[in-house]
Protein backbone atom coordinates (compact mmCIF):
# COMPACT_ATOMS: atom_id res chain seq x y z
CA UNK A 1 -2.65 -41.78 -14.38
CA UNK A 2 1.34 -40.42 -12.90
CA UNK A 3 1.09 -37.95 -15.83
CA UNK A 4 -1.60 -36.17 -14.74
CA UNK A 5 -0.75 -36.25 -11.12
CA UNK A 6 2.12 -34.21 -12.37
CA UNK A 7 0.27 -31.97 -14.07
CA UNK A 8 -1.68 -31.06 -11.60
CA UNK A 9 0.83 -30.53 -9.25
CA UNK A 10 3.11 -28.03 -11.72
CA UNK A 11 -0.17 -26.65 -12.42
CA UNK A 12 -0.43 -26.13 -8.02
CA UNK A 13 3.30 -25.43 -7.89
CA UNK A 14 3.19 -22.46 -10.60
CA UNK A 15 -0.26 -21.10 -9.11
CA UNK A 16 1.72 -20.57 -5.67
CA UNK A 17 4.36 -19.00 -7.30
CA UNK A 18 1.89 -16.81 -9.40
CA UNK A 19 -0.03 -15.61 -5.88
CA UNK A 20 2.00 -12.61 -4.39
CA UNK A 21 0.55 -13.37 -0.69
CA UNK A 22 0.08 -8.72 0.57
CA UNK A 23 2.82 -7.44 3.38
CA UNK A 24 2.70 -4.15 5.53
CA UNK A 25 4.64 -2.16 6.45
CA UNK A 26 4.80 0.27 9.48
CA UNK A 27 6.47 3.36 9.09
CA UNK A 28 6.18 6.59 11.89
CA UNK A 29 4.73 9.47 11.49
CA UNK A 30 7.35 11.77 12.37
CA UNK A 31 6.65 14.38 9.24
CA UNK A 32 3.80 16.09 7.10
CA UNK A 33 4.67 13.00 4.63
CA UNK A 34 5.40 9.12 4.48
CA UNK A 35 6.67 7.99 0.65
CA UNK A 36 7.41 4.45 0.07
CA UNK A 37 8.90 4.18 -3.56
CA UNK A 38 9.17 1.30 -5.78
CA UNK A 39 12.72 0.22 -5.93
CA UNK A 40 12.79 -3.22 -7.61
CA UNK A 41 12.96 -3.23 -11.15
CA UNK A 42 10.55 -5.53 -13.25
CA UNK A 43 8.06 -5.52 -9.94
CA UNK A 44 4.27 -3.95 -9.80
CA UNK A 45 2.63 -3.76 -5.88
CA UNK A 46 -0.67 -2.32 -5.27
CA UNK A 47 -1.53 -0.58 -1.69
CA UNK A 48 -4.29 -2.95 -0.51
CA UNK A 49 -5.38 -0.74 2.85
CA UNK A 50 -3.29 1.80 4.56
CA UNK A 51 -4.27 2.54 7.78
CA UNK A 52 -3.09 5.21 10.09
CA UNK A 53 -2.77 5.25 13.77
CA UNK A 54 -2.47 8.48 16.71
CA UNK A 55 -1.22 8.68 19.90
CA UNK A 56 -4.73 10.02 20.88
CA UNK A 57 -8.32 11.31 18.49
CA UNK A 58 -7.36 13.86 16.58
CA UNK A 59 -9.13 15.67 13.60
CA UNK A 60 -6.62 15.35 10.41
CA UNK A 61 -6.48 15.75 6.31
CA UNK A 62 -5.21 12.84 4.79
CA UNK A 63 -4.29 12.23 1.80
CA UNK A 64 -2.82 9.83 -0.42
CA UNK A 65 -0.85 10.19 -3.60
CA UNK A 66 0.88 8.69 -6.58
CA UNK A 67 4.28 10.11 -7.32
CA UNK A 68 5.07 8.56 -10.90
CA UNK A 69 7.52 10.24 -13.63
CA UNK A 70 7.98 13.49 -11.32
CA UNK A 71 4.30 14.17 -11.43
CA UNK A 72 1.56 13.50 -8.90
CA UNK A 73 -1.77 12.37 -8.91
CA UNK A 74 -4.04 12.52 -6.28
CA UNK A 75 -5.66 8.98 -5.47
CA UNK A 76 -7.16 9.30 -2.23
CA UNK A 77 -7.91 11.80 0.55
CA UNK A 78 -9.79 11.88 4.10
CA UNK A 79 -10.55 14.61 6.63
CA UNK A 80 -11.14 12.71 10.13
CA UNK A 81 -12.41 14.43 12.82
CA UNK A 82 -12.00 13.51 16.64
CA UNK A 83 -10.38 9.89 15.46
CA UNK A 84 -7.81 7.94 16.80
CA UNK A 85 -7.82 5.24 13.70
CA UNK A 86 -8.29 5.72 9.83
CA UNK A 87 -8.58 3.15 7.83
CA UNK A 88 -8.33 4.50 3.75
CA UNK A 89 -9.34 1.11 1.24
CA UNK A 90 -8.63 2.25 -2.56
CA UNK A 91 -11.65 2.21 -5.03
CA UNK A 92 -9.11 0.83 -7.94
CA UNK A 93 -6.24 -1.14 -8.46
CA UNK A 94 -3.04 1.38 -8.15
CA UNK A 95 0.19 -0.27 -9.73
CA UNK A 96 3.23 0.95 -8.40
CA UNK A 97 5.84 0.40 -10.95
CA UNK A 98 9.84 1.08 -10.83
CA UNK A 99 10.27 4.36 -9.55
CA UNK A 100 6.75 5.60 -8.59
CA UNK A 101 6.22 6.13 -5.32
CA UNK A 102 3.12 5.92 -2.59
CA UNK A 103 2.83 9.06 -0.89
CA UNK A 104 1.31 9.92 2.55
CA UNK A 105 0.28 13.09 3.96
CA UNK A 106 -0.79 14.27 7.22
CA UNK A 107 -1.12 17.04 9.35
CA UNK A 108 -1.22 15.28 12.60
CA UNK A 109 2.31 13.78 13.42
CA UNK A 110 1.85 11.95 16.55
CA UNK A 111 1.24 8.57 15.75
CA UNK A 112 2.20 5.53 12.59
CA UNK A 113 1.36 4.47 9.29
CA UNK A 114 0.56 0.85 8.13
CA UNK A 115 0.57 0.04 4.60
CA UNK A 116 -1.12 -3.08 3.65
CA UNK A 117 0.61 -4.11 -0.51
CA UNK A 118 -0.21 -6.91 -3.21
CA UNK A 119 2.53 -7.96 -5.55
CA UNK A 120 1.61 -8.71 -9.11
């Protein structure tokens, strides 16, 4: 009985370590591009949600790209009209390994962008 309880406790601890809760970071739109690079070796993260918030309703073209080994890959684009908030949810999991960058571009720079990521 004690051995079964120990095994269950060990499995719960392993499961809690293996699960990486999402985390969010907010960046100002002080220029047309915001880029976040995975600078941690032996680490992988994926964008869960990208949220744009503008100071006023605006028309904008937004892009989400992955920069890997010097190559840029478009993974999402949005064109919005008269919007003050925009949400982009990826259609697939895009893993960002060491050195890869998530690049967000906007034709409007009066607001902020929040990136919610999860680790793997």
